[in-house]
Amino acid sequence: MNETIEKTFDLKINLDVIAEDAYKDHIMIMNFLEKRDATALKSAVTIHLHHAAWTEQLFSNSD
């Protein structure tokens, strides 16, 4: 995970969009944690991991 975060900052392409997506994902995750909604939390984490995988593909294609 640290490697992906470091690569994100090194990429400097669409960093604002990537950061905004991650921020929104984390807010969504926190909201469902506060509500103790396990089903919605699982969905939110899955969405976040899909965003992270998409970001990782950017790195793979830019190498």
PDB file of N, CA and C in Angstrom:
ATOM      1  N   MET A   1       0.821  -1.186   0.000  1.00  0.00           N
ATOM      2  CA  MET A   1       0.000   0.000   0.000  1.00  0.00           C
ATOM      3  C   MET A   1       0.871   1.258   0.000  1.00  0.00           C
ATOM      4  N   ASN A   2       1.918   1.255   0.804  1.00  0.00           N
ATOM      5  CA  ASN A   2       2.812   2.417   0.837  1.00  0.00           C
ATOM      6  C   ASN A   2       3.420   2.690  -0.531  1.00  0.00           C
ATOM      7  N   GLU A   3       3.772   1.611  -1.242  1.00  0.00           N
ATOM      8  CA  GLU A   3       4.365   1.765  -2.574  1.00  0.00           C
ATOM      9  C   GLU A   3       3.379   2.448  -3.527  1.00  0.00           C
ATOM     10  N   THR A   4       2.123   2.059  -3.460  1.00  0.00           N
ATOM     11  CA  THR A   4       1.109   2.682  -4.320  1.00  0.00           C
ATOM     12  C   THR A   4       0.951   4.153  -3.989  1.00  0.00           C
ATOM     13  N   ILE A   5       0.932   4.484  -2.712  1.00  0.00           N
ATOM     14  CA  ILE A   5       0.807   5.892  -2.299  1.00  0.00           C
ATOM     15  C   ILE A   5       2.012   6.684  -2.782  1.00  0.00           C
ATOM     16  N   GLU A   6       3.207   6.145  -2.605  1.00  0.00           N
ATOM     17  CA  GLU A   6       4.413   6.836  -3.057  1.00  0.00           C
ATOM     18  C   GLU A   6       4.391   7.036  -4.570  1.00  0.00           C
ATOM     19  N   LYS A   7       3.985   6.006  -5.317  1.00  0.00           N
ATOM     20  CA  LYS A   7       3.914   6.127  -6.769  1.00  0.00           C
ATOM     21  C   LYS A   7       2.874   7.165  -7.189  1.00  0.00           C
ATOM     22  N   THR A   8       1.786   7.249  -6.434  1.00  0.00           N
ATOM     23  CA  THR A   8       0.752   8.241  -6.745  1.00  0.00           C
ATOM     24  C   THR A   8       1.339   9.641  -6.682  1.00  0.00           C
ATOM     25  N   PHE A   9       2.096   9.943  -5.644  1.00  0.00           N
ATOM     26  CA  PHE A   9       2.680  11.267  -5.509  1.00  0.00           C
ATOM     27  C   PHE A   9       3.785  11.513  -6.530  1.00  0.00           C
ATOM     28  N   ASP A  10       4.487  10.472  -6.913  1.00  0.00           N
ATOM     29  CA  ASP A  10       5.526  10.614  -7.928  1.00  0.00           C
ATOM     30  C   ASP A  10       4.941  10.847  -9.315  1.00  0.00           C
ATOM     31  N   LEU A  11       3.764  10.287  -9.569  1.00  0.00           N
ATOM     32  CA  LEU A  11       3.152  10.380 -10.883  1.00  0.00           C
ATOM     33  C   LEU A  11       2.841  11.820 -11.270  1.00  0.00           C
ATOM     34  N   LYS A  12       2.239  12.578 -10.349  1.00  0.00           N
ATOM     35  CA  LYS A  12       1.920  13.997 -10.534  1.00  0.00           C
ATOM     36  C   LYS A  12       0.985  14.249 -11.715  1.00  0.00           C
ATOM     37  N   ILE A  13       0.388  13.204 -12.261  1.00  0.00           N
ATOM     38  CA  ILE A  13      -0.600  13.357 -13.325  1.00  0.00           C
ATOM     39  C   ILE A  13      -1.953  13.036 -12.713  1.00  0.00           C
ATOM     40  N   ASN A  14      -2.897  13.956 -12.850  1.00  0.00           N
ATOM     41  CA  ASN A  14      -4.234  13.775 -12.284  1.00  0.00           C
ATOM     42  C   ASN A  14      -4.198  13.557 -10.780  1.00  0.00           C
ATOM     43  N   LEU A  15      -3.180  14.080 -10.118  1.00  0.00           N
ATOM     44  CA  LEU A  15      -3.053  13.882  -8.680  1.00  0.00           C
ATOM     45  C   LEU A  15      -4.261  14.445  -7.941  1.00  0.00           C
ATOM     46  N   ASP A  16      -4.774  15.578  -8.394  1.00  0.00           N
ATOM     47  CA  ASP A  16      -5.944  16.174  -7.750  1.00  0.00           C
ATOM     48  C   ASP A  16      -7.153  15.250  -7.840  1.00  0.00           C
ATOM     49  N   VAL A  17      -7.354  14.645  -8.999  1.00  0.00           N
ATOM     50  CA  VAL A  17      -8.487  13.737  -9.190  1.00  0.00           C
ATOM     51  C   VAL A  17      -8.319  12.483  -8.334  1.00  0.00           C
ATOM     52  N   ILE A  18      -7.126  11.929  -8.335  1.00  0.00           N
ATOM     53  CA  ILE A  18      -6.856  10.729  -7.545  1.00  0.00           C
ATOM     54  C   ILE A  18      -7.045  11.019  -6.060  1.00  0.00           C
ATOM     55  N   ALA A  19      -6.528  12.148  -5.593  1.00  0.00           N
ATOM     56  CA  ALA A  19      -6.660  12.521  -4.179  1.00  0.00           C
ATOM     57  C   ALA A  19      -8.123  12.760  -3.813  1.00  0.00           C
ATOM     58  N   GLU A  20      -8.870  13.407  -4.702  1.00  0.00           N
ATOM     59  CA  GLU A  20     -10.285  13.665  -4.430  1.00  0.00           C
ATOM     60  C   GLU A  20     -11.073  12.358  -4.333  1.00  0.00           C
ATOM     61  N   ASP A  21     -10.791  11.424  -5.233  1.00  0.00           N
ATOM     62  CA  ASP A  21     -11.456  10.116  -5.172  1.00  0.00           C
ATOM     63  C   ASP A  21     -11.134   9.399  -3.858  1.00  0.00           C
ATOM     64  N   ALA A  22      -9.873   9.400  -3.483  1.00  0.00           N
ATOM     65  CA  ALA A  22      -9.463   8.729  -2.240  1.00  0.00           C
ATOM     66  C   ALA A  22     -10.113   9.393  -1.032  1.00  0.00           C
ATOM     67  N   TYR A  23     -10.170  10.722  -1.046  1.00  0.00           N
ATOM     68  CA  TYR A  23     -10.795  11.457   0.057  1.00  0.00           C
ATOM     69  C   TYR A  23     -12.271  11.082   0.166  1.00  0.00           C
ATOM     70  N   LYS A  24     -12.972  11.091  -0.961  1.00  0.00           N
ATOM     71  CA  LYS A  24     -14.399  10.738  -0.957  1.00  0.00           C
ATOM     72  C   LYS A  24     -14.600   9.297  -0.501  1.00  0.00           C
ATOM     73  N   ASP A  25     -13.730   8.405  -0.955  1.00  0.00           N
ATOM     74  CA  ASP A  25     -13.821   7.010  -0.534  1.00  0.00           C
ATOM     75  C   ASP A  25     -13.668   6.890   0.981  1.00  0.00           C
ATOM     76  N   HIS A  26     -12.686   7.590   1.538  1.00  0.00           N
ATOM     77  CA  HIS A  26     -12.447   7.496   2.978  1.00  0.00           C
ATOM     78  C   HIS A  26     -13.593   8.101   3.784  1.00  0.00           C
ATOM     79  N   ILE A  27     -14.177   9.183   3.299  1.00  0.00           N
ATOM     80  CA  ILE A  27     -15.338   9.778   3.971  1.00  0.00           C
ATOM     81  C   ILE A  27     -16.489   8.766   3.975  1.00  0.00           C
ATOM     82  N   MET A  28     -16.723   8.131   2.813  1.00  0.00           N
ATOM     83  CA  MET A  28     -17.782   7.135   2.706  1.00  0.00           C
ATOM     84  C   MET A  28     -17.534   5.980   3.685  1.00  0.00           C
ATOM     85  N   ILE A  29     -16.300   5.510   3.750  1.00  0.00           N
ATOM     86  CA  ILE A  29     -15.949   4.419   4.666  1.00  0.00           C
ATOM     87  C   ILE A  29     -16.198   4.832   6.114  1.00  0.00           C
ATOM     88  N   MET A  30     -15.764   6.023   6.476  1.00  0.00           N
ATOM     89  CA  MET A  30     -15.959   6.506   7.851  1.00  0.00           C
ATOM     90  C   MET A  30     -17.443   6.640   8.192  1.00  0.00           C
ATOM     91  N   ASN A  31     -18.243   7.136   7.251  1.00  0.00           N
ATOM     92  CA  ASN A  31     -19.683   7.269   7.504  1.00  0.00           C
ATOM     93  C   ASN A  31     -20.321   5.914   7.811  1.00  0.00           C
ATOM     94  N   PHE A  32     -19.951   4.904   7.039  1.00  0.00           N
ATOM     95  CA  PHE A  32     -20.535   3.587   7.279  1.00  0.00           C
ATOM     96  C   PHE A  32     -19.989   2.943   8.543  1.00  0.00           C
ATOM     97  N   LEU A  33     -18.750   3.256   8.900  1.00  0.00           N
ATOM     98  CA  LEU A  33     -18.219   2.786  10.184  1.00  0.00           C
ATOM     99  C   LEU A  33     -19.017   3.389  11.336  1.00  0.00           C
ATOM    100  N   GLU A  34     -19.262   4.701  11.248  1.00  0.00           N
ATOM    101  CA  GLU A  34     -20.028   5.377  12.295  1.00  0.00           C
ATOM    102  C   GLU A  34     -21.436   4.804  12.418  1.00  0.00           C
ATOM    103  N   LYS A  35     -22.043   4.451  11.286  1.00  0.00           N
ATOM    104  CA  LYS A  35     -23.402   3.901  11.287  1.00  0.00           C
ATOM    105  C   LYS A  35     -23.424   2.418  11.648  1.00  0.00           C
ATOM    106  N   ARG A  36     -22.244   1.813  11.716  1.00  0.00           N
ATOM    107  CA  ARG A  36     -22.108   0.377  12.003  1.00  0.00           C
ATOM    108  C   ARG A  36     -22.893  -0.458  10.987  1.00  0.00           C
ATOM    109  N   ASP A  37     -22.797  -0.024   9.728  1.00  0.00           N
ATOM    110  CA  ASP A  37     -23.486  -0.714   8.633  1.00  0.00           C
ATOM    111  C   ASP A  37     -22.456  -1.570   7.898  1.00  0.00           C
ATOM    112  N   ALA A  38     -22.379  -2.833   8.293  1.00  0.00           N
ATOM    113  CA  ALA A  38     -21.337  -3.724   7.777  1.00  0.00           C
ATOM    114  C   ALA A  38     -21.478  -3.971   6.277  1.00  0.00           C
ATOM    115  N   THR A  39     -22.700  -4.099   5.799  1.00  0.00           N
ATOM    116  CA  THR A  39     -22.915  -4.372   4.378  1.00  0.00           C
ATOM    117  C   THR A  39     -22.472  -3.187   3.533  1.00  0.00           C
ATOM    118  N   ALA A  40     -22.891  -1.996   3.932  1.00  0.00           N
ATOM    119  CA  ALA A  40     -22.502  -0.789   3.194  1.00  0.00           C
ATOM    120  C   ALA A  40     -20.999  -0.548   3.315  1.00  0.00           C
ATOM    121  N   LEU A  41     -20.432  -0.830   4.484  1.00  0.00           N
ATOM    122  CA  LEU A  41     -18.991  -0.670   4.688  1.00  0.00           C
ATOM    123  C   LEU A  41     -18.211  -1.573   3.736  1.00  0.00           C
ATOM    124  N   LYS A  42     -18.648  -2.820   3.618  1.00  0.00           N
ATOM    125  CA  LYS A  42     -17.987  -3.749   2.707  1.00  0.00           C
ATOM    126  C   LYS A  42     -18.028  -3.213   1.276  1.00  0.00           C
ATOM    127  N   SER A  43     -19.162  -2.670   0.867  1.00  0.00           N
ATOM    128  CA  SER A  43     -19.287  -2.088  -0.478  1.00  0.00           C
ATOM    129  C   SER A  43     -18.361  -0.892  -0.647  1.00  0.00           C
ATOM    130  N   ALA A  44     -18.303  -0.034   0.373  1.00  0.00           N
ATOM    131  CA  ALA A  44     -17.457   1.157   0.305  1.00  0.00           C
ATOM    132  C   ALA A  44     -15.980   0.785   0.182  1.00  0.00           C
ATOM    133  N   VAL A  45     -15.557  -0.216   0.941  1.00  0.00           N
ATOM    134  CA  VAL A  45     -14.162  -0.660   0.872  1.00  0.00           C
ATOM    135  C   VAL A  45     -13.877  -1.279  -0.499  1.00  0.00           C
ATOM    136  N   THR A  46     -14.835  -2.022  -1.016  1.00  0.00           N
ATOM    137  CA  THR A  46     -14.670  -2.614  -2.348  1.00  0.00           C
ATOM    138  C   THR A  46     -14.518  -1.531  -3.402  1.00  0.00           C
ATOM    139  N   ILE A  47     -15.338  -0.504  -3.317  1.00  0.00           N
ATOM    140  CA  ILE A  47     -15.233   0.631  -4.251  1.00  0.00           C
ATOM    141  C   ILE A  47     -13.853   1.268  -4.135  1.00  0.00           C
ATOM    142  N   HIS A  48     -13.401   1.480  -2.912  1.00  0.00           N
ATOM    143  CA  HIS A  48     -12.088   2.102  -2.702  1.00  0.00           C
ATOM    144  C   HIS A  48     -10.972   1.232  -3.293  1.00  0.00           C
ATOM    145  N   LEU A  49     -11.060  -0.062  -3.099  1.00  0.00           N
ATOM    146  CA  LEU A  49     -10.042  -0.957  -3.648  1.00  0.00           C
ATOM    147  C   LEU A  49     -10.075  -0.972  -5.174  1.00  0.00           C
ATOM    148  N   HIS A  50     -11.246  -0.841  -5.758  1.00  0.00           N
ATOM    149  CA  HIS A  50     -11.336  -0.742  -7.224  1.00  0.00           C
ATOM    150  C   HIS A  50     -10.683   0.543  -7.713  1.00  0.00           C
ATOM    151  N   HIS A  51     -10.909   1.638  -6.998  1.00  0.00           N
ATOM    152  CA  HIS A  51     -10.245   2.893  -7.361  1.00  0.00           C
ATOM    153  C   HIS A  51      -8.729   2.738  -7.250  1.00  0.00           C
ATOM    154  N   ALA A  52      -8.271   2.067  -6.189  1.00  0.00           N
ATOM    155  CA  ALA A  52      -6.831   1.875  -6.001  1.00  0.00           C
ATOM    156  C   ALA A  52      -6.256   1.003  -7.114  1.00  0.00           C
ATOM    157  N   ALA A  53      -7.004  -0.025  -7.507  1.00  0.00           N
ATOM    158  CA  ALA A  53      -6.539  -0.894  -8.593  1.00  0.00           C
ATOM    159  C   ALA A  53      -6.456  -0.117  -9.897  1.00  0.00           C
ATOM    160  N   TRP A  54      -7.426   0.749 -10.144  1.00  0.00           N
ATOM    161  CA  TRP A  54      -7.417   1.578 -11.351  1.00  0.00           C
ATOM    162  C   TRP A  54      -6.204   2.510 -11.338  1.00  0.00           C
ATOM    163  N   THR A  55      -5.912   3.080 -10.176  1.00  0.00           N
ATOM    164  CA  THR A  55      -4.741   3.950 -10.035  1.00  0.00           C
ATOM    165  C   THR A  55      -3.472   3.156 -10.282  1.00  0.00           C
ATOM    166  N   GLU A  56      -3.416   1.937  -9.763  1.00  0.00           N
ATOM    167  CA  GLU A  56      -2.246   1.085  -9.963  1.00  0.00           C
ATOM    168  C   GLU A  56      -2.049   0.768 -11.457  1.00  0.00           C
ATOM    169  N   GLN A  57      -3.151   0.615 -12.187  1.00  0.00           N
ATOM    170  CA  GLN A  57      -3.043   0.384 -13.647  1.00  0.00           C
ATOM    171  C   GLN A  57      -2.406   1.586 -14.325  1.00  0.00           C
ATOM    172  N   LEU A  58      -2.688   2.777 -13.842  1.00  0.00           N
ATOM    173  CA  LEU A  58      -2.040   3.972 -14.411  1.00  0.00           C
ATOM    174  C   LEU A  58      -0.536   3.861 -14.298  1.00  0.00           C
ATOM    175  N   PHE A  59      -0.072   3.363 -13.145  1.00  0.00           N
ATOM    176  CA  PHE A  59       1.364   3.241 -12.949  1.00  0.00           C
ATOM    177  C   PHE A  59       1.946   2.177 -13.850  1.00  0.00           C
ATOM    178  N   SER A  60       1.236   1.078 -13.988  1.00  0.00           N
ATOM    179  CA  SER A  60       1.733  -0.014 -14.830  1.00  0.00           C
ATOM    180  C   SER A  60       1.844   0.420 -16.280  1.00  0.00           C
ATOM    181  N   ASN A  61       0.899   1.239 -16.729  1.00  0.00           N
ATOM    182  CA  ASN A  61       0.895   1.701 -18.120  1.00  0.00           C
ATOM    183  C   ASN A  61       1.873   2.842 -18.354  1.00  0.00           C
ATOM    184  N   SER A  62       2.313   3.515 -17.295  1.00  0.00           N
ATOM    185  CA  SER A  62       3.215   4.660 -17.482  1.00  0.00           C
ATOM    186  C   SER A  62       4.676   4.275 -17.329  1.00  0.00           C
ATOM    187  N   ASP A  63       4.954   3.040 -16.901  1.00  0.00           N
ATOM    188  CA  ASP A  63       6.358   2.601 -16.709  1.00  0.00           C
ATOM    189  C   ASP A  63       7.061   2.402 -18.025  1.00  0.00           C
TER     190      ASP A  63
END
